[in-house]
Amino acid sequence: MTTLAAFLMSMIGPLAIRVLTMVGISILTFTGVTESLDFLIQGVKTNYAGLPSDLLGLAGLAGVPQAIGLILGAMSARVAVWTAASATRWVTGK
């Protein structure tokens, strides 16, 4: 029984270290990229709000705010999927 326990611990130990390392790297990467995207979103909002009112009205009628929201939302989703996929690939080693 002790040899079985020793065998299981020798197999689980490296896997647990690998998973914990992956989680740390994923959190760090996701946080860094999310902060960069937040900076980009704030810049877009600031510059959009600085446009003249006539141009803002025309852009609103054309659906520019919704388009900006879709593009930035897609970028955020892409980062989330990329982080999850790379973390999974790193753990499985494929």
PDB file of N, CA and C in Angstrom:
ATOM      1  N   MET A   1       0.812  -1.198   0.000  1.00  0.00           N
ATOM      2  CA  MET A   1       0.000   0.000   0.000  1.00  0.00           C
ATOM      3  C   MET A   1       0.858   1.266   0.000  1.00  0.00           C
ATOM      4  N   THR A   2       1.981   1.201   0.709  1.00  0.00           N
ATOM      5  CA  THR A   2       2.839   2.386   0.752  1.00  0.00           C
ATOM      6  C   THR A   2       3.481   2.651  -0.599  1.00  0.00           C
ATOM      7  N   THR A   3       3.761   1.614  -1.356  1.00  0.00           N
ATOM      8  CA  THR A   3       4.340   1.834  -2.678  1.00  0.00           C
ATOM      9  C   THR A   3       3.324   2.471  -3.625  1.00  0.00           C
ATOM     10  N   LEU A   4       2.049   2.112  -3.470  1.00  0.00           N
ATOM     11  CA  LEU A   4       1.005   2.728  -4.280  1.00  0.00           C
ATOM     12  C   LEU A   4       0.868   4.205  -3.925  1.00  0.00           C
ATOM     13  N   ALA A   5       0.894   4.516  -2.644  1.00  0.00           N
ATOM     14  CA  ALA A   5       0.796   5.910  -2.204  1.00  0.00           C
ATOM     15  C   ALA A   5       2.011   6.703  -2.687  1.00  0.00           C
ATOM     16  N   ALA A   6       3.181   6.110  -2.593  1.00  0.00           N
ATOM     17  CA  ALA A   6       4.391   6.798  -3.057  1.00  0.00           C
ATOM     18  C   ALA A   6       4.334   7.024  -4.566  1.00  0.00           C
ATOM     19  N   PHE A   7       3.832   6.028  -5.290  1.00  0.00           N
ATOM     20  CA  PHE A   7       3.704   6.172  -6.740  1.00  0.00           C
ATOM     21  C   PHE A   7       2.723   7.285  -7.085  1.00  0.00           C
ATOM     22  N   LEU A   8       1.573   7.316  -6.414  1.00  0.00           N
ATOM     23  CA  LEU A   8       0.578   8.364  -6.686  1.00  0.00           C
ATOM     24  C   LEU A   8       1.114   9.750  -6.341  1.00  0.00           C
ATOM     25  N   MET A   9       1.815   9.867  -5.236  1.00  0.00           N
ATOM     26  CA  MET A   9       2.378  11.161  -4.857  1.00  0.00           C
ATOM     27  C   MET A   9       3.456  11.605  -5.841  1.00  0.00           C
ATOM     28  N   SER A  10       4.222  10.663  -6.361  1.00  0.00           N
ATOM     29  CA  SER A  10       5.255  11.035  -7.333  1.00  0.00           C
ATOM     30  C   SER A  10       4.637  11.467  -8.656  1.00  0.00           C
ATOM     31  N   MET A  11       3.453  10.978  -8.962  1.00  0.00           N
ATOM     32  CA  MET A  11       2.769  11.380 -10.190  1.00  0.00           C
ATOM     33  C   MET A  11       1.976  12.673 -10.009  1.00  0.00           C
ATOM     34  N   ILE A  12       1.354  12.850  -8.864  1.00  0.00           N
ATOM     35  CA  ILE A  12       0.495  14.011  -8.619  1.00  0.00           C
ATOM     36  C   ILE A  12       1.322  15.258  -8.329  1.00  0.00           C
ATOM     37  N   GLY A  13       2.448  15.117  -7.675  1.00  0.00           N
ATOM     38  CA  GLY A  13       3.270  16.268  -7.308  1.00  0.00           C
ATOM     39  C   GLY A  13       3.668  17.134  -8.489  1.00  0.00           C
ATOM     40  N   PRO A  14       4.319  16.576  -9.504  1.00  0.00           N
ATOM     41  CA  PRO A  14       4.704  17.401 -10.662  1.00  0.00           C
ATOM     42  C   PRO A  14       3.497  17.981 -11.411  1.00  0.00           C
ATOM     43  N   LEU A  15       2.413  17.206 -11.476  1.00  0.00           N
ATOM     44  CA  LEU A  15       1.212  17.708 -12.152  1.00  0.00           C
ATOM     45  C   LEU A  15       0.626  18.893 -11.400  1.00  0.00           C
ATOM     46  N   ALA A  16       0.594  18.808 -10.077  1.00  0.00           N
ATOM     47  CA  ALA A  16       0.064  19.917  -9.283  1.00  0.00           C
ATOM     48  C   ALA A  16       0.938  21.157  -9.443  1.00  0.00           C
ATOM     49  N   ILE A  17       2.234  20.981  -9.453  1.00  0.00           N
ATOM     50  CA  ILE A  17       3.139  22.125  -9.643  1.00  0.00           C
ATOM     51  C   ILE A  17       2.931  22.737 -11.017  1.00  0.00           C
ATOM     52  N   ARG A  18       2.760  21.902 -12.011  1.00  0.00           N
ATOM     53  CA  ARG A  18       2.547  22.394 -13.376  1.00  0.00           C
ATOM     54  C   ARG A  18       1.235  23.165 -13.484  1.00  0.00           C
ATOM     55  N   VAL A  19       0.181  22.637 -12.865  1.00  0.00           N
ATOM     56  CA  VAL A  19      -1.128  23.310 -12.913  1.00  0.00           C
ATOM     57  C   VAL A  19      -1.062  24.639 -12.177  1.00  0.00           C
ATOM     58  N   LEU A  20      -0.460  24.676 -11.010  1.00  0.00           N
ATOM     59  CA  LEU A  20      -0.368  25.925 -10.261  1.00  0.00           C
ATOM     60  C   LEU A  20       0.465  26.968 -11.001  1.00  0.00           C
ATOM     61  N   THR A  21       1.536  26.531 -11.645  1.00  0.00           N
ATOM     62  CA  THR A  21       2.349  27.445 -12.439  1.00  0.00           C
ATOM     63  C   THR A  21       1.546  27.997 -13.606  1.00  0.00           C
ATOM     64  N   MET A  22       0.794  27.123 -14.273  1.00  0.00           N
ATOM     65  CA  MET A  22      -0.035  27.543 -15.401  1.00  0.00           C
ATOM     66  C   MET A  22      -1.083  28.547 -14.978  1.00  0.00           C
ATOM     67  N   VAL A  23      -1.700  28.302 -13.846  1.00  0.00           N
ATOM     68  CA  VAL A  23      -2.726  29.225 -13.364  1.00  0.00           C
ATOM     69  C   VAL A  23      -2.107  30.589 -13.076  1.00  0.00           C
ATOM     70  N   GLY A  24      -0.945  30.605 -12.475  1.00  0.00           N
ATOM     71  CA  GLY A  24      -0.270  31.870 -12.191  1.00  0.00           C
ATOM     72  C   GLY A  24       0.103  32.630 -13.454  1.00  0.00           C
ATOM     73  N   ILE A  25       0.647  31.917 -14.430  1.00  0.00           N
ATOM     74  CA  ILE A  25       1.020  32.565 -15.692  1.00  0.00           C
ATOM     75  C   ILE A  25      -0.211  33.072 -16.423  1.00  0.00           C
ATOM     76  N   SER A  26      -1.280  32.278 -16.418  1.00  0.00           N
ATOM     77  CA  SER A  26      -2.507  32.695 -17.096  1.00  0.00           C
ATOM     78  C   SER A  26      -3.103  33.933 -16.450  1.00  0.00           C
ATOM     79  N   ILE A  27      -3.126  33.961 -15.143  1.00  0.00           N
ATOM     80  CA  ILE A  27      -3.680  35.122 -14.442  1.00  0.00           C
ATOM     81  C   ILE A  27      -2.842  36.358 -14.725  1.00  0.00           C
ATOM     82  N   LEU A  28      -1.540  36.196 -14.710  1.00  0.00           N
ATOM     83  CA  LEU A  28      -0.652  37.324 -14.979  1.00  0.00           C
ATOM     84  C   LEU A  28      -0.823  37.828 -16.405  1.00  0.00           C
ATOM     85  N   THR A  29      -0.868  36.932 -17.365  1.00  0.00           N
ATOM     86  CA  THR A  29      -1.038  37.318 -18.765  1.00  0.00           C
ATOM     87  C   THR A  29      -2.392  37.966 -18.993  1.00  0.00           C
ATOM     88  N   PHE A  30      -3.436  37.349 -18.467  1.00  0.00           N
ATOM     89  CA  PHE A  30      -4.781  37.881 -18.650  1.00  0.00           C
ATOM     90  C   PHE A  30      -4.910  39.255 -18.013  1.00  0.00           C
ATOM     91  N   THR A  31      -4.331  39.435 -16.840  1.00  0.00           N
ATOM     92  CA  THR A  31      -4.394  40.733 -16.169  1.00  0.00           C
ATOM     93  C   THR A  31      -3.657  41.799 -16.963  1.00  0.00           C
ATOM     94  N   GLY A  32      -2.486  41.476 -17.464  1.00  0.00           N
ATOM     95  CA  GLY A  32      -1.719  42.447 -18.242  1.00  0.00           C
ATOM     96  C   GLY A  32      -2.417  42.852 -19.521  1.00  0.00           C
ATOM     97  N   VAL A  33      -2.947  41.890 -20.242  1.00  0.00           N
ATOM     98  CA  VAL A  33      -3.629  42.189 -21.496  1.00  0.00           C
ATOM     99  C   VAL A  33      -4.941  42.917 -21.228  1.00  0.00           C
ATOM    100  N   THR A  34      -5.629  42.555 -20.160  1.00  0.00           N
ATOM    101  CA  THR A  34      -6.879  43.243 -19.802  1.00  0.00           C
ATOM    102  C   THR A  34      -6.611  44.699 -19.449  1.00  0.00           C
ATOM    103  N   GLU A  35      -5.538  44.950 -18.728  1.00  0.00           N
ATOM    104  CA  GLU A  35      -5.188  46.335 -18.406  1.00  0.00           C
ATOM    105  C   GLU A  35      -4.871  47.124 -19.674  1.00  0.00           C
ATOM    106  N   SER A  36      -4.183  46.502 -20.613  1.00  0.00           N
ATOM    107  CA  SER A  36      -3.889  47.170 -21.884  1.00  0.00           C
ATOM    108  C   SER A  36      -5.172  47.475 -22.647  1.00  0.00           C
ATOM    109  N   LEU A  37      -6.094  46.530 -22.667  1.00  0.00           N
ATOM    110  CA  LEU A  37      -7.375  46.762 -23.344  1.00  0.00           C
ATOM    111  C   LEU A  37      -8.179  47.855 -22.641  1.00  0.00           C
ATOM    112  N   ASP A  38      -8.150  47.875 -21.322  1.00  0.00           N
ATOM    113  CA  ASP A  38      -8.846  48.941 -20.586  1.00  0.00           C
ATOM    114  C   ASP A  38      -8.259  50.304 -20.925  1.00  0.00           C
ATOM    115  N   PHE A  39      -6.949  50.370 -21.061  1.00  0.00           N
ATOM    116  CA  PHE A  39      -6.299  51.619 -21.450  1.00  0.00           C
ATOM    117  C   PHE A  39      -6.745  52.038 -22.848  1.00  0.00           C
ATOM    118  N   LEU A  40      -6.827  51.076 -23.761  1.00  0.00           N
ATOM    119  CA  LEU A  40      -7.290  51.345 -25.119  1.00  0.00           C
ATOM    120  C   LEU A  40      -8.734  51.831 -25.117  1.00  0.00           C
ATOM    121  N   ILE A  41      -9.596  51.184 -24.335  1.00  0.00           N
ATOM    122  CA  ILE A  41     -11.001  51.570 -24.268  1.00  0.00           C
ATOM    123  C   ILE A  41     -11.151  52.978 -23.708  1.00  0.00           C
ATOM    124  N   GLN A  42     -10.387  53.292 -22.665  1.00  0.00           N
ATOM    125  CA  GLN A  42     -10.446  54.651 -22.105  1.00  0.00           C
ATOM    126  C   GLN A  42      -9.991  55.682 -23.127  1.00  0.00           C
ATOM    127  N   GLY A  43      -8.954  55.362 -23.889  1.00  0.00           N
ATOM    128  CA  GLY A  43      -8.480  56.276 -24.926  1.00  0.00           C
ATOM    129  C   GLY A  43      -9.523  56.506 -26.005  1.00  0.00           C
ATOM    130  N   VAL A  44     -10.197  55.445 -26.413  1.00  0.00           N
ATOM    131  CA  VAL A  44     -11.253  55.573 -27.422  1.00  0.00           C
ATOM    132  C   VAL A  44     -12.395  56.427 -26.883  1.00  0.00           C
ATOM    133  N   LYS A  45     -12.807  56.170 -25.639  1.00  0.00           N
ATOM    134  CA  LYS A  45     -13.891  56.955 -25.038  1.00  0.00           C
ATOM    135  C   LYS A  45     -13.519  58.429 -24.926  1.00  0.00           C
ATOM    136  N   THR A  46     -12.310  58.697 -24.491  1.00  0.00           N
ATOM    137  CA  THR A  46     -11.859  60.079 -24.331  1.00  0.00           C
ATOM    138  C   THR A  46     -11.817  60.803 -25.671  1.00  0.00           C
ATOM    139  N   ASN A  47     -11.241  60.162 -26.668  1.00  0.00           N
ATOM    140  CA  ASN A  47     -11.147  60.798 -27.978  1.00  0.00           C
ATOM    141  C   ASN A  47     -12.511  60.940 -28.643  1.00  0.00           C
ATOM    142  N   TYR A  48     -13.387  59.965 -28.434  1.00  0.00           N
ATOM    143  CA  TYR A  48     -14.731  60.042 -29.014  1.00  0.00           C
ATOM    144  C   TYR A  48     -15.513  61.181 -28.380  1.00  0.00           C
ATOM    145  N   ALA A  49     -15.380  61.352 -27.078  1.00  0.00           N
ATOM    146  CA  ALA A  49     -16.100  62.419 -26.381  1.00  0.00           C
ATOM    147  C   ALA A  49     -15.564  63.795 -26.769  1.00  0.00           C
ATOM    148  N   GLY A  50     -14.345  63.861 -27.255  1.00  0.00           N
ATOM    149  CA  GLY A  50     -13.753  65.134 -27.635  1.00  0.00           C
ATOM    150  C   GLY A  50     -14.139  65.617 -29.028  1.00  0.00           C
ATOM    151  N   LEU A  51     -14.918  64.848 -29.755  1.00  0.00           N
ATOM    152  CA  LEU A  51     -15.332  65.248 -31.100  1.00  0.00           C
ATOM    153  C   LEU A  51     -16.370  66.368 -31.024  1.00  0.00           C
ATOM    154  N   PRO A  52     -16.478  67.172 -32.061  1.00  0.00           N
ATOM    155  CA  PRO A  52     -17.506  68.216 -32.091  1.00  0.00           C
ATOM    156  C   PRO A  52     -18.913  67.607 -32.038  1.00  0.00           C
ATOM    157  N   SER A  53     -19.869  68.366 -31.519  1.00  0.00           N
ATOM    158  CA  SER A  53     -21.214  67.835 -31.296  1.00  0.00           C
ATOM    159  C   SER A  53     -21.911  67.444 -32.596  1.00  0.00           C
ATOM    160  N   ASP A  54     -21.690  68.190 -33.667  1.00  0.00           N
ATOM    161  CA  ASP A  54     -22.303  67.825 -34.946  1.00  0.00           C
ATOM    162  C   ASP A  54     -21.798  66.462 -35.422  1.00  0.00           C
ATOM    163  N   LEU A  55     -20.508  66.257 -35.293  1.00  0.00           N
ATOM    164  CA  LEU A  55     -19.925  64.988 -35.708  1.00  0.00           C
ATOM    165  C   LEU A  55     -20.380  63.844 -34.797  1.00  0.00           C
ATOM    166  N   LEU A  56     -20.541  64.122 -33.508  1.00  0.00           N
ATOM    167  CA  LEU A  56     -21.035  63.109 -32.579  1.00  0.00           C
ATOM    168  C   LEU A  56     -22.460  62.688 -32.938  1.00  0.00           C
ATOM    169  N   GLY A  57     -23.298  63.666 -33.295  1.00  0.00           N
ATOM    170  CA  GLY A  57     -24.666  63.351 -33.688  1.00  0.00           C
ATOM    171  C   GLY A  57     -24.705  62.486 -34.936  1.00  0.00           C
ATOM    172  N   LEU A  58     -23.908  62.837 -35.920  1.00  0.00           N
ATOM    173  CA  LEU A  58     -23.850  62.067 -37.158  1.00  0.00           C
ATOM    174  C   LEU A  58     -23.297  60.661 -36.909  1.00  0.00           C
ATOM    175  N   ALA A  59     -22.262  60.571 -36.069  1.00  0.00           N
ATOM    176  CA  ALA A  59     -21.690  59.261 -35.745  1.00  0.00           C
ATOM    177  C   ALA A  59     -22.695  58.402 -34.982  1.00  0.00           C
ATOM    178  N   GLY A  60     -23.480  59.043 -34.122  1.00  0.00           N
ATOM    179  CA  GLY A  60     -24.509  58.308 -33.389  1.00  0.00           C
ATOM    180  C   GLY A  60     -25.580  57.763 -34.308  1.00  0.00           C
ATOM    181  N   LEU A  61     -25.974  58.554 -35.290  1.00  0.00           N
ATOM    182  CA  LEU A  61     -26.957  58.080 -36.262  1.00  0.00           C
ATOM    183  C   LEU A  61     -26.409  56.942 -37.118  1.00  0.00           C
ATOM    184  N   ALA A  62     -25.125  56.988 -37.399  1.00  0.00           N
ATOM    185  CA  ALA A  62     -24.499  55.960 -38.225  1.00  0.00           C
ATOM    186  C   ALA A  62     -24.202  54.679 -37.446  1.00  0.00           C
ATOM    187  N   GLY A  63     -24.347  54.708 -36.131  1.00  0.00           N
ATOM    188  CA  GLY A  63     -24.098  53.519 -35.318  1.00  0.00           C
ATOM    189  C   GLY A  63     -22.643  53.312 -34.937  1.00  0.00           C
ATOM    190  N   VAL A  64     -21.872  54.376 -34.961  1.00  0.00           N
ATOM    191  CA  VAL A  64     -20.450  54.259 -34.617  1.00  0.00           C
ATOM    192  C   VAL A  64     -20.242  53.796 -33.167  1.00  0.00           C
ATOM    193  N   PRO A  65     -21.006  54.305 -32.185  1.00  0.00           N
ATOM    194  CA  PRO A  65     -20.783  53.810 -30.812  1.00  0.00           C
ATOM    195  C   PRO A  65     -21.017  52.304 -30.670  1.00  0.00           C
ATOM    196  N   GLN A  66     -22.029  51.793 -31.348  1.00  0.00           N
ATOM    197  CA  GLN A  66     -22.292  50.357 -31.286  1.00  0.00           C
ATOM    198  C   GLN A  66     -21.174  49.577 -31.973  1.00  0.00           C
ATOM    199  N   ALA A  67     -20.672  50.096 -33.076  1.00  0.00           N
ATOM    200  CA  ALA A  67     -19.573  49.430 -33.784  1.00  0.00           C
ATOM    201  C   ALA A  67     -18.314  49.403 -32.926  1.00  0.00           C
ATOM    202  N   ILE A  68     -18.038  50.502 -32.264  1.00  0.00           N
ATOM    203  CA  ILE A  68     -16.867  50.549 -31.372  1.00  0.00           C
ATOM    204  C   ILE A  68     -17.034  49.536 -30.245  1.00  0.00           C
ATOM    205  N   GLY A  69     -18.235  49.473 -29.682  1.00  0.00           N
ATOM    206  CA  GLY A  69     -18.502  48.500 -28.619  1.00  0.00           C
ATOM    207  C   GLY A  69     -18.335  47.069 -29.088  1.00  0.00           C
ATOM    208  N   LEU A  70     -18.798  46.767 -30.293  1.00  0.00           N
ATOM    209  CA  LEU A  70     -18.647  45.413 -30.841  1.00  0.00           C
ATOM    210  C   LEU A  70     -17.178  45.063 -31.068  1.00  0.00           C
ATOM    211  N   ILE A  71     -16.434  45.981 -31.615  1.00  0.00           N
ATOM    212  CA  ILE A  71     -15.022  45.721 -31.904  1.00  0.00           C
ATOM    213  C   ILE A  71     -14.232  45.517 -30.613  1.00  0.00           C
ATOM    214  N   LEU A  72     -14.440  46.399 -29.647  1.00  0.00           N
ATOM    215  CA  LEU A  72     -13.706  46.267 -28.387  1.00  0.00           C
ATOM    216  C   LEU A  72     -14.145  45.037 -27.600  1.00  0.00           C
ATOM    217  N   GLY A  73     -15.431  44.705 -27.665  1.00  0.00           N
ATOM    218  CA  GLY A  73     -15.917  43.487 -27.022  1.00  0.00           C
ATOM    219  C   GLY A  73     -15.327  42.236 -27.661  1.00  0.00           C
ATOM    220  N   ALA A  74     -15.203  42.252 -28.978  1.00  0.00           N
ATOM    221  CA  ALA A  74     -14.598  41.117 -29.680  1.00  0.00           C
ATOM    222  C   ALA A  74     -13.123  40.975 -29.309  1.00  0.00           C
ATOM    223  N   MET A  75     -12.447  42.095 -29.148  1.00  0.00           N
ATOM    224  CA  MET A  75     -11.037  42.037 -28.747  1.00  0.00           C
ATOM    225  C   MET A  75     -10.904  41.448 -27.344  1.00  0.00           C
ATOM    226  N   SER A  76     -11.776  41.841 -26.436  1.00  0.00           N
ATOM    227  CA  SER A  76     -11.742  41.300 -25.075  1.00  0.00           C
ATOM    228  C   SER A  76     -12.042  39.810 -25.069  1.00  0.00           C
ATOM    229  N   ALA A  77     -13.028  39.391 -25.860  1.00  0.00           N
ATOM    230  CA  ALA A  77     -13.367  37.972 -25.935  1.00  0.00           C
ATOM    231  C   ALA A  77     -12.216  37.170 -26.531  1.00  0.00           C
ATOM    232  N   ARG A  78     -11.563  37.714 -27.518  1.00  0.00           N
ATOM    233  CA  ARG A  78     -10.433  37.032 -28.151  1.00  0.00           C
ATOM    234  C   ARG A  78      -9.295  36.827 -27.154  1.00  0.00           C
ATOM    235  N   VAL A  79      -9.050  37.819 -26.330  1.00  0.00           N
ATOM    236  CA  VAL A  79      -7.998  37.687 -25.317  1.00  0.00           C
ATOM    237  C   VAL A  79      -8.372  36.601 -24.308  1.00  0.00           C
ATOM    238  N   ALA A  80      -9.628  36.561 -23.899  1.00  0.00           N
ATOM    239  CA  ALA A  80     -10.065  35.544 -22.941  1.00  0.00           C
ATOM    240  C   ALA A  80      -9.928  34.145 -23.531  1.00  0.00           C
ATOM    241  N   VAL A  81     -10.338  33.967 -24.773  1.00  0.00           N
ATOM    242  CA  VAL A  81     -10.243  32.655 -25.416  1.00  0.00           C
ATOM    243  C   VAL A  81      -8.785  32.273 -25.626  1.00  0.00           C
ATOM    244  N   TRP A  82      -7.964  33.228 -26.044  1.00  0.00           N
ATOM    245  CA  TRP A  82      -6.543  32.952 -26.259  1.00  0.00           C
ATOM    246  C   TRP A  82      -5.868  32.522 -24.961  1.00  0.00           C
ATOM    247  N   THR A  83      -6.186  33.208 -23.870  1.00  0.00           N
ATOM    248  CA  THR A  83      -5.580  32.865 -22.584  1.00  0.00           C
ATOM    249  C   THR A  83      -5.996  31.468 -22.143  1.00  0.00           C
ATOM    250  N   ALA A  84      -7.277  31.164 -22.271  1.00  0.00           N
ATOM    251  CA  ALA A  84      -7.757  29.837 -21.870  1.00  0.00           C
ATOM    252  C   ALA A  84      -7.148  28.744 -22.741  1.00  0.00           C
ATOM    253  N   ALA A  85      -7.072  28.978 -24.039  1.00  0.00           N
ATOM    254  CA  ALA A  85      -6.518  27.968 -24.948  1.00  0.00           C
ATOM    255  C   ALA A  85      -5.030  27.751 -24.698  1.00  0.00           C
ATOM    256  N   SER A  86      -4.283  28.824 -24.499  1.00  0.00           N
ATOM    257  CA  SER A  86      -2.846  28.657 -24.274  1.00  0.00           C
ATOM    258  C   SER A  86      -2.573  28.019 -22.920  1.00  0.00           C
ATOM    259  N   ALA A  87      -3.408  28.306 -21.935  1.00  0.00           N
ATOM    260  CA  ALA A  87      -3.228  27.676 -20.618  1.00  0.00           C
ATOM    261  C   ALA A  87      -3.507  26.179 -20.709  1.00  0.00           C
ATOM    262  N   THR A  88      -4.557  25.812 -21.424  1.00  0.00           N
ATOM    263  CA  THR A  88      -4.874  24.402 -21.585  1.00  0.00           C
ATOM    264  C   THR A  88      -3.778  23.684 -22.368  1.00  0.00           C
ATOM    265  N   ARG A  89      -3.288  24.311 -23.401  1.00  0.00           N
ATOM    266  CA  ARG A  89      -2.228  23.713 -24.221  1.00  0.00           C
ATOM    267  C   ARG A  89      -0.949  23.543 -23.388  1.00  0.00           C
ATOM    268  N   TRP A  90      -0.699  24.486 -22.496  1.00  0.00           N
ATOM    269  CA  TRP A  90       0.512  24.426 -21.696  1.00  0.00           C
ATOM    270  C   TRP A  90       0.445  23.294 -20.687  1.00  0.00           C
ATOM    271  N   VAL A  91      -0.749  23.089 -20.095  1.00  0.00           N
ATOM    272  CA  VAL A  91      -0.901  22.029 -19.098  1.00  0.00           C
ATOM    273  C   VAL A  91      -0.824  20.656 -19.754  1.00  0.00           C
ATOM    274  N   THR A  92      -1.509  20.502 -20.882  1.00  0.00           N
ATOM    275  CA  THR A  92      -1.522  19.190 -21.538  1.00  0.00           C
ATOM    276  C   THR A  92      -0.245  18.891 -22.305  1.00  0.00           C
ATOM    277  N   GLY A  93       0.519  19.930 -22.630  1.00  0.00           N
ATOM    278  CA  GLY A  93       1.779  19.747 -23.317  1.00  0.00           C
ATOM    279  C   GLY A  93       1.623  19.526 -24.815  1.00  0.00           C
ATOM    280  N   LYS A  94       0.469  19.876 -25.377  1.00  0.00           N
ATOM    281  CA  LYS A  94       0.238  19.687 -26.818  1.00  0.00           C
ATOM    282  C   LYS A  94       0.464  20.948 -27.567  1.00  0.00           C
TER     283      LYS A  94
END
